[in-house]
Amino acid sequence: PKTHCELHRDRVQHTGPDGHPIVGAHIPQCDEHGHYQPQQCHGSTGHCWCVDDRGQERPGTRTPPGTPHVDCRRPER
């Protein structure tokens, strides 16, 4: 069976009426085990952020393009 991340990714990729992804939508990045990668980046905006194991953004971790990314492997404080 597919994981939560894989289902989320599939749902976003097939949200348009024509079966194509909606332009500008963030497509979650899953690792080889189907879990959310700790750092997610939006291809269109260049923003990156850390997520928890449910794919929810960790507050205070979003970085704009061109700035150093937060180490998402570090535990939350």
N, C-alpha and C. Protein backbone atom coordinates (compact mmCIF):
# COMPACT_ATOMS: atom_id res chain seq x y z
N PRO A 1 0.83 -1.21 0.00
CA PRO A 1 0.00 0.00 0.00
C PRO A 1 0.87 1.26 0.00
N LYS A 2 0.29 2.32 -0.50
CA LYS A 2 1.02 3.60 -0.57
C LYS A 2 1.02 4.28 0.80
N THR A 3 2.09 5.04 1.03
CA THR A 3 2.21 5.79 2.28
C THR A 3 1.45 7.11 2.17
N HIS A 4 1.33 7.80 3.31
CA HIS A 4 0.66 9.10 3.33
C HIS A 4 1.32 10.07 2.37
N CYS A 5 2.66 10.10 2.35
CA CYS A 5 3.39 11.01 1.46
C CYS A 5 3.10 10.67 0.00
N GLU A 6 3.13 9.39 -0.34
CA GLU A 6 2.89 8.98 -1.73
C GLU A 6 1.46 9.32 -2.16
N LEU A 7 0.50 9.10 -1.28
CA LEU A 7 -0.89 9.44 -1.60
C LEU A 7 -1.05 10.95 -1.78
N HIS A 8 -0.41 11.73 -0.89
CA HIS A 8 -0.44 13.19 -0.97
C HIS A 8 0.15 13.65 -2.30
N ARG A 9 1.31 13.10 -2.65
CA ARG A 9 1.98 13.46 -3.90
C ARG A 9 1.09 13.13 -5.10
N ASP A 10 0.51 11.93 -5.09
CA ASP A 10 -0.35 11.53 -6.20
C ASP A 10 -1.57 12.43 -6.33
N ARG A 11 -2.15 12.81 -5.19
CA ARG A 11 -3.34 13.67 -5.18
C ARG A 11 -3.02 15.04 -5.78
N VAL A 12 -1.87 15.60 -5.42
CA VAL A 12 -1.48 16.91 -5.93
C VAL A 12 -1.17 16.84 -7.42
N GLN A 13 -0.56 15.75 -7.86
CA GLN A 13 -0.17 15.63 -9.26
C GLN A 13 -1.37 15.45 -10.18
N HIS A 14 -2.49 15.03 -9.64
CA HIS A 14 -3.65 14.76 -10.49
C HIS A 14 -4.86 15.59 -10.09
N THR A 15 -4.63 16.84 -9.71
CA THR A 15 -5.73 17.67 -9.24
C THR A 15 -6.41 18.45 -10.34
N GLY A 16 -5.76 18.66 -11.47
CA GLY A 16 -6.37 19.43 -12.55
C GLY A 16 -7.40 18.60 -13.30
N PRO A 17 -8.40 19.26 -13.90
CA PRO A 17 -9.44 18.53 -14.62
C PRO A 17 -8.89 17.76 -15.82
N ASP A 18 -7.74 18.19 -16.34
CA ASP A 18 -7.16 17.50 -17.48
C ASP A 18 -6.17 16.41 -17.06
N GLY A 19 -6.06 16.17 -15.74
CA GLY A 19 -5.16 15.13 -15.25
C GLY A 19 -3.74 15.60 -15.05
N HIS A 20 -3.45 16.86 -15.35
CA HIS A 20 -2.11 17.40 -15.15
C HIS A 20 -2.06 18.15 -13.82
N PRO A 21 -0.86 18.27 -13.26
CA PRO A 21 -0.75 19.01 -12.00
C PRO A 21 -1.15 20.47 -12.17
N ILE A 22 -1.67 21.04 -11.12
CA ILE A 22 -2.00 22.46 -11.14
C ILE A 22 -0.68 23.24 -11.08
N VAL A 23 -0.53 24.19 -11.96
CA VAL A 23 0.70 24.97 -12.02
C VAL A 23 0.90 25.71 -10.70
N GLY A 24 2.09 25.62 -10.16
CA GLY A 24 2.40 26.31 -8.92
C GLY A 24 2.12 25.52 -7.67
N ALA A 25 1.48 24.36 -7.79
CA ALA A 25 1.20 23.55 -6.60
C ALA A 25 2.48 22.88 -6.11
N HIS A 26 2.66 22.83 -4.79
CA HIS A 26 3.82 22.14 -4.23
C HIS A 26 3.57 20.64 -4.27
N ILE A 27 4.50 19.90 -4.85
CA ILE A 27 4.40 18.44 -4.88
C ILE A 27 5.34 17.89 -3.81
N PRO A 28 4.80 17.20 -2.81
CA PRO A 28 5.63 16.69 -1.72
C PRO A 28 6.72 15.76 -2.23
N GLN A 29 7.89 15.84 -1.60
CA GLN A 29 8.99 14.95 -1.95
C GLN A 29 9.04 13.83 -0.91
N CYS A 30 8.97 12.59 -1.40
CA CYS A 30 9.00 11.42 -0.53
C CYS A 30 10.35 10.72 -0.69
N ASP A 31 10.82 10.08 0.39
CA ASP A 31 12.09 9.36 0.30
C ASP A 31 11.86 7.96 -0.27
N GLU A 32 12.91 7.15 -0.31
CA GLU A 32 12.82 5.82 -0.92
C GLU A 32 11.91 4.88 -0.15
N HIS A 33 11.58 5.22 1.11
CA HIS A 33 10.67 4.40 1.91
C HIS A 33 9.24 4.94 1.88
N GLY A 34 9.03 6.05 1.15
CA GLY A 34 7.71 6.63 1.05
C GLY A 34 7.37 7.63 2.13
N HIS A 35 8.35 7.98 2.97
CA HIS A 35 8.12 8.98 4.01
C HIS A 35 8.45 10.37 3.48
N TYR A 36 7.90 11.39 4.11
CA TYR A 36 8.22 12.75 3.71
C TYR A 36 9.71 13.01 3.91
N GLN A 37 10.37 13.61 2.90
CA GLN A 37 11.74 14.04 3.11
C GLN A 37 11.70 15.18 4.12
N PRO A 38 12.66 15.23 5.06
CA PRO A 38 12.61 16.25 6.12
C PRO A 38 12.60 17.67 5.58
N GLN A 39 13.26 17.91 4.44
CA GLN A 39 13.24 19.24 3.83
C GLN A 39 12.42 19.18 2.55
N GLN A 40 11.47 20.08 2.45
CA GLN A 40 10.66 20.21 1.26
C GLN A 40 10.99 21.55 0.61
N CYS A 41 11.05 21.57 -0.71
CA CYS A 41 11.31 22.82 -1.43
C CYS A 41 10.26 22.97 -2.52
N HIS A 42 9.82 24.19 -2.72
CA HIS A 42 8.83 24.51 -3.75
C HIS A 42 9.58 24.90 -5.01
N GLY A 43 9.41 24.12 -6.05
CA GLY A 43 10.14 24.36 -7.29
C GLY A 43 9.88 25.72 -7.91
N SER A 44 8.66 26.22 -7.80
CA SER A 44 8.31 27.49 -8.44
C SER A 44 8.84 28.70 -7.68
N THR A 45 8.78 28.65 -6.35
CA THR A 45 9.15 29.83 -5.55
C THR A 45 10.58 29.77 -5.02
N GLY A 46 11.14 28.56 -4.91
CA GLY A 46 12.47 28.41 -4.36
C GLY A 46 12.51 28.39 -2.84
N HIS A 47 11.36 28.54 -2.19
CA HIS A 47 11.31 28.47 -0.73
C HIS A 47 11.50 27.02 -0.29
N CYS A 48 12.19 26.83 0.83
CA CYS A 48 12.36 25.50 1.43
C CYS A 48 11.95 25.57 2.89
N TRP A 49 11.53 24.44 3.44
CA TRP A 49 11.10 24.37 4.83
C TRP A 49 11.23 22.94 5.31
N CYS A 50 11.20 22.77 6.61
CA CYS A 50 11.26 21.45 7.23
C CYS A 50 9.84 20.98 7.54
N VAL A 51 9.65 19.66 7.46
CA VAL A 51 8.34 19.09 7.80
C VAL A 51 8.51 18.00 8.84
N ASP A 52 7.41 17.72 9.54
CA ASP A 52 7.41 16.61 10.49
C ASP A 52 7.07 15.32 9.74
N ASP A 53 6.90 14.23 10.47
CA ASP A 53 6.65 12.95 9.80
C ASP A 53 5.27 12.86 9.16
N ARG A 54 4.41 13.84 9.41
CA ARG A 54 3.09 13.90 8.77
C ARG A 54 3.06 14.87 7.60
N GLY A 55 4.23 15.47 7.30
CA GLY A 55 4.30 16.40 6.18
C GLY A 55 3.89 17.82 6.52
N GLN A 56 3.68 18.09 7.82
CA GLN A 56 3.28 19.42 8.25
C GLN A 56 4.52 20.30 8.43
N GLU A 57 4.43 21.53 7.96
CA GLU A 57 5.56 22.45 8.07
C GLU A 57 5.91 22.72 9.53
N ARG A 58 7.19 22.65 9.85
CA ARG A 58 7.67 23.00 11.19
C ARG A 58 7.81 24.51 11.25
N PRO A 59 7.16 25.17 12.21
CA PRO A 59 7.20 26.63 12.30
C PRO A 59 8.63 27.16 12.40
N GLY A 60 8.85 28.27 11.72
CA GLY A 60 10.14 28.94 11.80
C GLY A 60 11.24 28.35 10.94
N THR A 61 10.90 27.41 10.04
CA THR A 61 11.94 26.76 9.24
C THR A 61 11.95 27.20 7.78
N ARG A 62 10.98 27.98 7.36
CA ARG A 62 10.90 28.37 5.94
C ARG A 62 12.01 29.37 5.61
N THR A 63 12.70 29.11 4.49
CA THR A 63 13.76 30.00 4.03
C THR A 63 13.49 30.42 2.60
N PRO A 64 13.72 31.70 2.28
CA PRO A 64 13.52 32.17 0.90
C PRO A 64 14.68 31.73 0.01
N PRO A 65 14.50 31.85 -1.30
CA PRO A 65 15.56 31.46 -2.22
C PRO A 65 16.84 32.25 -1.97
N GLY A 66 17.97 31.58 -2.13
CA GLY A 66 19.26 32.26 -2.00
C GLY A 66 19.77 32.39 -0.58
N THR A 67 19.03 31.85 0.39
CA THR A 67 19.50 31.90 1.78
C THR A 67 19.83 30.48 2.24
N PRO A 68 20.71 30.34 3.23
CA PRO A 68 21.06 29.00 3.72
C PRO A 68 19.83 28.29 4.28
N HIS A 69 19.74 27.01 4.02
CA HIS A 69 18.60 26.23 4.51
C HIS A 69 18.85 25.79 5.95
N VAL A 70 17.76 25.60 6.67
CA VAL A 70 17.81 25.08 8.03
C VAL A 70 18.16 23.59 7.95
N ASP A 71 18.90 23.08 8.93
CA ASP A 71 19.20 21.65 8.99
C ASP A 71 17.97 20.93 9.54
N CYS A 72 17.22 20.30 8.66
CA CYS A 72 15.95 19.68 9.04
C CYS A 72 16.13 18.38 9.82
N ARG A 73 17.34 17.88 9.90
CA ARG A 73 17.57 16.65 10.67
C ARG A 73 17.67 16.94 12.15
N ARG A 74 17.88 18.22 12.50
CA ARG A 74 17.97 18.59 13.92
C ARG A 74 16.58 18.53 14.54
N PRO A 75 16.49 18.03 15.77
CA PRO A 75 15.17 17.95 16.42
C PRO A 75 14.59 19.34 16.69
N GLU A 76 13.27 19.36 16.77
CA GLU A 76 12.60 20.64 17.08
C GLU A 76 12.91 21.02 18.52
N ARG A 77 12.92 22.33 18.76
CA ARG A 77 13.16 22.81 20.12
C ARG A 77 11.86 23.17 20.78
